[in-house]
Amino acid sequence: MLTKTVYQYLGTDQIVAGVYDWLFKEDAGIMGKLPRKTVTDNGVKYNVETTYPLATWTDVNDVIPESAGTFTQRSAAIYNLIHDIDVDKSQIAKDATQNKEAVEIMRQMRGFLNQWQNTLVHGQTTTASSTKQAKGLYRLLAEIEGEDKDDLDGAAADTTGNNSQVVLASATSGACTIALMEVLQDACKLGVDGYIMTRTARRYLNSLARASGYVYAPVTDEWNHQLHTFNGSPIYINDHLKNNVPDASSSVVTISTYNQATAITAALDNTVIFAFNASEDGLHIIQAGDIEKEPRFTVPNKDAWRHRVKWYNGLAVLNKYALAGLHCLPKAS
């Protein structure tokens, strides 16, 4: 994974020397947490390990069986996230107190970051997503069951559904509990490097912890974010995650028709909490090069400089036990 120091050198001119540092601070941690793997094609085919290979205890003269485990092939493509930023030259010339280009680049890069954060969750899944986007966490979690799947087919804590990585508070809708969070933790068998949830879910989880007599201490990451934790793993907030996810129907949550802009109602008041392992064997970013800013150029029909920022990227999860989700109410039932 590239460090904060490395990203400070990604700018091609003095104007954006600090923009990348700011970008990763603004992200609240998750973009800097995920490792990056560079690929040199349109995408990558990879095998998701579904069962582990087994060794065998033998006796004298026993035939030694072979067990390679099982794999299911998945695909992850590279998608183009791009943004043009125009800065009027006259405004640059008139302002001697601040660097107008740096201010405008920083302001508009929030839109770049906001689009990536939204796609991280909803890419190629919900009614608001697009096939031009990378696959998000909902889609990656559904595809653990099968690449053609677009729902979360899970089960309650002590039973197994078609997708073992989906934990449901109930067959329809149920409140989050400390016990359910521990089931979610256990489902991410590679080890939990973090949780992604809504602010409401984090507040409720904190209230559950306080009620049990234990408060999880926050941690500070390299970007100086103060992060809450659960059982030692940091909690990352994504404001595009919502608390209006539909109820399950017979332990199946439909996400293909989910509209993230829908108002919360009695049947649309759940959330999904994700647990992930951040590694090149688990959840990571694939990219064809790092975030890049092209040299500025004059806009042909404007008296303005144009700065183009782009990132060819996608998401991949190489092991089914590197990602899990908990469908629950982020409040008391």
Protein backbone atom coordinates (compact mmCIF):
# COMPACT_ATOMS: atom_id res chain seq x y z
CA MET A 1 0.00 0.00 0.00
CA LEU A 2 1.30 3.45 -0.87
CA THR A 3 1.93 5.66 2.14
CA LYS A 4 0.86 9.22 2.73
CA THR A 5 4.39 10.41 2.01
CA VAL A 6 4.43 8.73 -1.40
CA TYR A 7 1.12 10.29 -2.38
CA GLN A 8 2.48 13.76 -1.66
CA TYR A 9 4.75 13.33 -4.67
CA LEU A 10 2.03 12.32 -7.12
CA GLY A 11 1.30 15.91 -8.20
CA THR A 12 3.04 16.99 -11.38
CA ASP A 13 3.37 20.65 -10.37
CA GLN A 14 3.59 22.83 -7.27
CA ILE A 15 -0.11 23.76 -7.43
CA VAL A 16 -1.26 20.29 -6.41
CA ALA A 17 1.65 19.31 -4.17
CA GLY A 18 -0.63 19.06 -1.14
CA VAL A 19 -3.89 18.03 -2.80
CA TYR A 20 -3.32 14.29 -2.53
CA ASP A 21 -2.38 14.55 1.12
CA TRP A 22 -5.61 16.49 1.69
CA LEU A 23 -7.62 14.00 -0.37
CA PHE A 24 -6.67 11.06 1.80
CA LYS A 25 -7.32 13.01 4.99
CA GLU A 26 -10.75 14.04 3.71
CA ASP A 27 -11.62 10.42 2.96
CA ALA A 28 -11.77 9.50 6.68
CA GLY A 29 -9.44 6.57 6.21
CA ILE A 30 -10.88 3.85 3.97
CA MET A 31 -9.19 4.89 0.70
CA GLY A 32 -5.81 4.89 2.40
CA LYS A 33 -6.54 1.60 4.18
CA LEU A 34 -7.14 -0.54 1.09
CA PRO A 35 -4.05 -1.93 -0.66
CA ARG A 36 -3.58 -1.31 -4.37
CA LYS A 37 -2.63 -3.82 -7.03
CA THR A 38 -1.59 -2.61 -10.47
CA VAL A 39 -2.95 -4.53 -13.47
CA THR A 40 -2.01 -3.93 -17.10
CA ASP A 41 -5.16 -5.14 -18.87
CA ASN A 42 -8.80 -4.04 -18.99
CA GLY A 43 -9.44 -6.09 -15.88
CA VAL A 44 -8.53 -9.26 -14.11
CA LYS A 45 -9.95 -12.76 -13.77
CA TYR A 46 -9.29 -14.23 -10.37
CA ASN A 47 -10.21 -17.25 -8.31
CA VAL A 48 -12.20 -16.75 -5.12
CA GLU A 49 -11.22 -19.47 -2.68
CA THR A 50 -14.44 -21.05 -1.40
CA THR A 51 -13.11 -24.04 0.59
CA TYR A 52 -9.62 -24.64 1.91
CA PRO A 53 -7.44 -27.55 0.75
CA LEU A 54 -7.17 -30.33 3.32
CA ALA A 55 -4.27 -32.38 4.58
CA THR A 56 -5.01 -35.96 5.67
CA TRP A 57 -3.94 -38.11 8.58
CA THR A 58 -2.75 -41.50 7.27
CA ASP A 59 -1.66 -44.88 8.53
CA VAL A 60 0.94 -47.29 7.12
CA ASN A 61 0.33 -48.08 3.41
CA ASP A 62 -2.67 -45.75 3.15
CA VAL A 63 -3.32 -44.10 -0.20
CA ILE A 64 -2.62 -40.42 0.13
CA PRO A 65 -5.62 -38.41 -1.12
CA GLU A 66 -5.21 -35.12 -2.93
CA SER A 67 -7.25 -32.08 -1.93
CA ALA A 68 -6.73 -28.77 -3.65
CA GLY A 69 -9.73 -26.99 -2.17
CA THR A 70 -12.28 -25.30 -4.40
CA PHE A 71 -12.26 -22.02 -6.29
CA THR A 72 -14.85 -20.00 -8.18
CA GLN A 73 -13.75 -17.61 -10.89
CA ARG A 74 -14.76 -13.96 -10.70
CA SER A 75 -13.90 -10.93 -12.78
CA ALA A 76 -13.07 -7.35 -11.88
CA ALA A 77 -12.69 -4.66 -14.51
CA ILE A 78 -10.86 -1.35 -14.55
CA TYR A 79 -13.15 1.67 -14.76
CA ASN A 80 -12.36 5.30 -15.53
CA LEU A 81 -13.04 7.92 -12.86
CA ILE A 82 -12.23 11.31 -14.35
CA HIS A 83 -12.87 14.97 -13.57
CA ASP A 84 -12.01 18.24 -15.31
CA ILE A 85 -11.39 21.35 -13.20
CA ASP A 86 -11.44 24.75 -14.94
CA VAL A 87 -9.93 27.82 -13.26
CA ASP A 88 -10.45 31.27 -14.77
CA LYS A 89 -7.11 32.94 -15.58
CA SER A 90 -8.40 36.44 -14.79
CA GLN A 91 -9.32 35.39 -11.26
CA ILE A 92 -5.82 34.00 -10.78
CA ALA A 93 -4.29 37.28 -11.96
CA LYS A 94 -6.50 39.43 -9.72
CA ASP A 95 -5.90 37.50 -6.51
CA ALA A 96 -2.57 38.13 -4.81
CA THR A 97 -3.56 36.70 -1.43
CA GLN A 98 -4.27 33.05 -2.25
CA ASN A 99 -3.54 30.42 -4.87
CA LYS A 100 -6.85 30.28 -6.75
CA GLU A 101 -5.85 27.14 -8.66
CA ALA A 102 -5.00 25.17 -5.53
CA VAL A 103 -8.22 26.30 -3.81
CA GLU A 104 -10.41 25.35 -6.77
CA ILE A 105 -8.69 22.00 -7.31
CA MET A 106 -9.15 21.14 -3.66
CA ARG A 107 -12.80 22.21 -3.71
CA GLN A 108 -13.67 20.19 -6.80
CA MET A 109 -11.70 17.12 -5.74
CA ARG A 110 -14.40 16.63 -3.12
CA GLY A 111 -16.67 15.65 -6.00
CA PHE A 112 -14.05 13.16 -7.23
CA LEU A 113 -13.76 11.64 -3.76
CA ASN A 114 -17.52 11.68 -3.21
CA GLN A 115 -18.11 9.68 -6.40
CA TRP A 116 -15.51 7.07 -5.41
CA GLN A 117 -17.00 6.70 -1.92
CA ASN A 118 -20.49 6.20 -3.35
CA THR A 119 -19.25 3.61 -5.85
CA LEU A 120 -17.34 1.81 -3.09
CA VAL A 121 -20.72 0.90 -1.61
CA HIS A 122 -23.29 0.92 -4.42
CA GLY A 123 -21.33 0.36 -7.63
CA GLN A 124 -23.22 -1.77 -10.19
CA THR A 125 -25.87 -2.71 -7.65
CA THR A 126 -28.70 -0.31 -6.94
CA THR A 127 -31.08 1.72 -9.08
CA ALA A 128 -28.72 4.69 -8.84
CA SER A 129 -25.66 2.80 -10.06
CA SER A 130 -24.24 2.36 -13.56
CA THR A 131 -22.35 -0.28 -15.50
CA LYS A 132 -19.70 2.40 -16.07
CA GLN A 133 -18.84 2.17 -12.37
CA ALA A 134 -16.70 -0.34 -10.53
CA LYS A 135 -18.43 -3.05 -8.50
CA GLY A 136 -19.18 -1.92 -4.95
CA LEU A 137 -19.37 -3.78 -1.65
CA TYR A 138 -23.01 -4.81 -2.05
CA ARG A 139 -22.29 -6.39 -5.44
CA LEU A 140 -19.03 -8.02 -4.31
CA LEU A 141 -20.79 -9.49 -1.29
CA ALA A 142 -23.67 -10.85 -3.41
CA GLU A 143 -21.23 -12.38 -5.92
CA ILE A 144 -19.61 -14.51 -3.23
CA GLU A 145 -22.64 -16.76 -3.76
CA GLY A 146 -22.39 -16.55 -7.57
CA GLU A 147 -21.33 -14.01 -10.19
CA ASP A 148 -24.91 -13.78 -11.47
CA LYS A 149 -26.34 -12.99 -8.03
CA ASP A 150 -27.78 -9.59 -7.17
CA ASP A 151 -29.26 -10.23 -3.74
CA LEU A 152 -28.00 -11.01 -0.25
CA ASP A 153 -29.13 -14.55 0.49
CA GLY A 154 -28.08 -15.09 4.08
CA ALA A 155 -29.29 -16.56 7.32
CA ALA A 156 -29.67 -15.80 11.00
CA ALA A 157 -26.69 -16.09 13.32
CA ASP A 158 -26.73 -19.82 14.03
CA THR A 159 -27.79 -21.11 10.60
CA THR A 160 -26.30 -21.11 7.12
CA GLY A 161 -27.84 -19.53 4.03
CA ASN A 162 -26.78 -19.77 0.40
CA ASN A 163 -24.27 -17.01 1.08
CA SER A 164 -22.31 -17.78 4.24
CA GLN A 165 -20.87 -14.25 4.28
CA VAL A 166 -24.27 -12.61 4.80
CA VAL A 167 -25.47 -12.45 8.41
CA LEU A 168 -29.09 -11.48 9.07
CA ALA A 169 -30.48 -10.23 12.36
CA SER A 170 -33.65 -12.17 11.45
CA ALA A 171 -35.47 -13.60 8.43
CA THR A 172 -37.07 -10.16 7.98
CA SER A 173 -35.67 -7.40 10.21
CA GLY A 174 -33.99 -7.29 13.62
CA ALA A 175 -31.86 -4.99 15.74
CA CYS A 176 -28.08 -5.00 15.81
CA THR A 177 -26.53 -6.58 18.90
CA ILE A 178 -23.02 -7.12 20.22
CA ALA A 179 -23.50 -10.85 19.63
CA LEU A 180 -24.43 -10.29 15.98
CA MET A 181 -21.37 -8.08 15.49
CA GLU A 182 -19.25 -10.94 16.81
CA VAL A 183 -20.90 -13.32 14.33
CA LEU A 184 -20.03 -10.82 11.59
CA GLN A 185 -16.46 -10.70 12.88
CA ASP A 186 -16.23 -14.48 12.80
CA ALA A 187 -17.56 -14.62 9.22
CA CYS A 188 -14.56 -12.55 8.07
CA LYS A 189 -12.18 -15.42 8.79
CA LEU A 190 -9.09 -13.82 7.24
CA GLY A 191 -9.22 -11.29 10.08
CA VAL A 192 -11.12 -8.03 10.31
CA ASP A 193 -9.07 -5.00 9.33
CA GLY A 194 -12.06 -2.72 9.58
CA TYR A 195 -15.82 -2.21 9.57
CA ILE A 196 -17.76 0.12 7.28
CA MET A 197 -21.09 1.43 8.56
CA THR A 198 -23.36 4.46 8.91
CA ARG A 199 -22.97 7.04 11.65
CA THR A 200 -26.29 5.91 13.13
CA ALA A 201 -25.05 2.32 13.35
CA ARG A 202 -21.82 3.43 15.01
CA ARG A 203 -23.68 5.47 17.61
CA TYR A 204 -25.99 2.58 18.38
CA LEU A 205 -23.06 0.16 18.61
CA ASN A 206 -21.34 2.54 21.02
CA SER A 207 -24.51 2.69 23.14
CA LEU A 208 -24.66 -1.12 23.24
CA ALA A 209 -21.03 -1.24 24.35
CA ARG A 210 -21.60 1.32 27.10
CA ALA A 211 -24.68 -0.57 28.31
CA SER A 212 -22.58 -3.72 28.58
CA GLY A 213 -20.05 -1.86 30.72
CA TYR A 214 -17.29 -1.64 28.13
CA VAL A 215 -16.34 1.25 25.86
CA TYR A 216 -14.05 0.50 22.91
CA ALA A 217 -11.06 2.84 22.84
CA PRO A 218 -10.52 4.90 19.66
CA VAL A 219 -7.38 4.58 17.56
CA THR A 220 -5.49 7.09 15.42
CA ASP A 221 -4.43 6.16 11.89
CA GLU A 222 -1.56 7.64 9.85
CA TRP A 223 -3.88 10.32 8.49
CA ASN A 224 -4.62 11.47 12.05
CA HIS A 225 -8.21 10.23 11.97
CA GLN A 226 -9.70 9.35 15.34
CA LEU A 227 -11.49 6.07 14.65
CA HIS A 228 -13.86 4.19 16.93
CA THR A 229 -13.22 0.46 17.19
CA PHE A 230 -15.06 -2.79 17.75
CA ASN A 231 -13.04 -5.62 19.29
CA GLY A 232 -9.86 -3.82 18.27
CA SER A 233 -10.77 -3.22 14.59
CA PRO A 234 -11.38 0.36 13.38
CA ILE A 235 -14.80 1.57 12.24
CA TYR A 236 -14.94 3.58 9.02
CA ILE A 237 -17.91 5.78 8.21
CA ASN A 238 -19.28 5.99 4.67
CA ASP A 239 -22.03 8.58 4.37
CA HIS A 240 -23.37 6.94 1.21
CA LEU A 241 -24.36 3.91 3.24
CA LYS A 242 -27.96 4.40 4.32
CA ASN A 243 -30.38 3.23 6.99
CA ASN A 244 -33.19 2.63 4.48
CA VAL A 245 -32.26 -0.85 3.25
CA PRO A 246 -35.38 -3.01 2.74
CA ASP A 247 -36.45 -5.80 5.06
CA ALA A 248 -35.41 -9.30 4.12
CA SER A 249 -37.97 -11.68 2.69
CA SER A 250 -37.42 -15.26 3.83
CA SER A 251 -33.79 -14.36 4.63
CA VAL A 252 -33.14 -12.76 1.23
CA VAL A 253 -32.40 -9.02 0.89
CA THR A 254 -33.12 -7.59 -2.55
CA ILE A 255 -30.48 -5.02 -3.50
CA SER A 256 -30.89 -4.82 -7.30
CA THR A 257 -33.99 -2.63 -6.96
CA TYR A 258 -32.90 -0.83 -3.80
CA ASN A 259 -33.14 2.96 -4.11
CA GLN A 260 -30.77 4.67 -1.71
CA ALA A 261 -32.77 7.93 -1.93
CA THR A 262 -35.97 6.33 -0.62
CA ALA A 263 -37.40 7.70 2.62
CA ILE A 264 -37.15 5.50 5.70
CA THR A 265 -40.34 3.56 6.44
CA ALA A 266 -41.23 0.56 8.57
CA ALA A 267 -40.17 -1.83 5.79
CA LEU A 268 -37.17 0.28 4.75
CA ASP A 269 -35.26 0.95 7.96
CA ASN A 270 -32.34 -1.47 7.94
CA THR A 271 -28.66 -1.01 7.23
CA VAL A 272 -25.75 -3.25 6.23
CA ILE A 273 -22.54 -3.25 8.25
CA PHE A 274 -19.53 -4.57 6.33
CA ALA A 275 -16.49 -6.31 7.80
CA PHE A 276 -13.44 -6.60 5.56
CA ASN A 277 -9.90 -7.87 5.40
CA ALA A 278 -7.67 -5.39 3.56
CA SER A 279 -4.97 -7.33 1.72
CA GLU A 280 -3.97 -8.46 -1.76
CA ASP A 281 -5.59 -11.79 -0.90
CA GLY A 282 -8.70 -10.02 0.40
CA LEU A 283 -10.43 -6.75 -0.41
CA HIS A 284 -8.24 -4.36 -2.38
CA ILE A 285 -8.19 -1.76 -5.13
CA ILE A 286 -7.03 -2.77 -8.60
CA GLN A 287 -5.72 0.03 -10.75
CA ALA A 288 -3.91 0.83 -13.98
CA GLY A 289 -1.65 3.40 -12.38
CA ASP A 290 -2.15 5.75 -9.45
CA ILE A 291 -4.41 8.79 -9.30
CA GLU A 292 -2.99 11.06 -11.97
CA LYS A 293 -3.22 14.77 -12.69
CA GLU A 294 -2.39 15.75 -16.25
CA PRO A 295 -0.38 18.95 -16.88
CA ARG A 296 -2.71 21.92 -17.05
CA PHE A 297 -3.74 23.20 -20.45
CA THR A 298 -5.74 26.11 -21.83
CA VAL A 299 -9.43 25.50 -22.45
CA PRO A 300 -9.96 26.25 -26.17
CA ASN A 301 -13.12 28.35 -25.75
CA LYS A 302 -12.41 29.86 -22.33
CA ASP A 303 -9.83 32.11 -20.71
CA ALA A 304 -9.12 29.34 -18.23
CA TRP A 305 -6.69 26.64 -17.23
CA ARG A 306 -7.99 23.08 -17.22
CA HIS A 307 -6.73 20.47 -14.77
CA ARG A 308 -7.72 16.87 -15.51
CA VAL A 309 -7.61 14.33 -12.70
CA LYS A 310 -8.20 10.65 -13.43
CA TRP A 311 -7.96 7.25 -11.83
CA TYR A 312 -8.39 3.93 -13.65
CA ASN A 313 -9.51 1.64 -10.84
CA GLY A 314 -11.85 -1.05 -9.55
CA LEU A 315 -12.36 -3.34 -6.54
CA ALA A 316 -11.63 -7.04 -6.09
CA VAL A 317 -12.00 -9.53 -3.23
CA LEU A 318 -9.93 -12.70 -3.74
CA ASN A 319 -11.15 -14.74 -0.82
CA LYS A 320 -14.77 -15.22 0.28
CA TYR A 321 -13.68 -14.96 3.89
CA ALA A 322 -12.31 -11.45 3.37
CA LEU A 323 -15.73 -9.77 3.22
CA ALA A 324 -18.94 -10.17 5.21
CA GLY A 325 -22.07 -8.14 5.82
CA LEU A 326 -24.62 -7.83 8.62
CA HIS A 327 -28.20 -6.80 7.72
CA CYS A 328 -29.84 -5.27 10.78
CA LEU A 329 -31.69 -2.35 12.30
CA PRO A 330 -29.22 0.32 13.48
CA LYS A 331 -31.35 0.89 16.58
CA ALA A 332 -33.37 -0.93 19.20
CA SER A 333 -36.21 -2.96 17.70
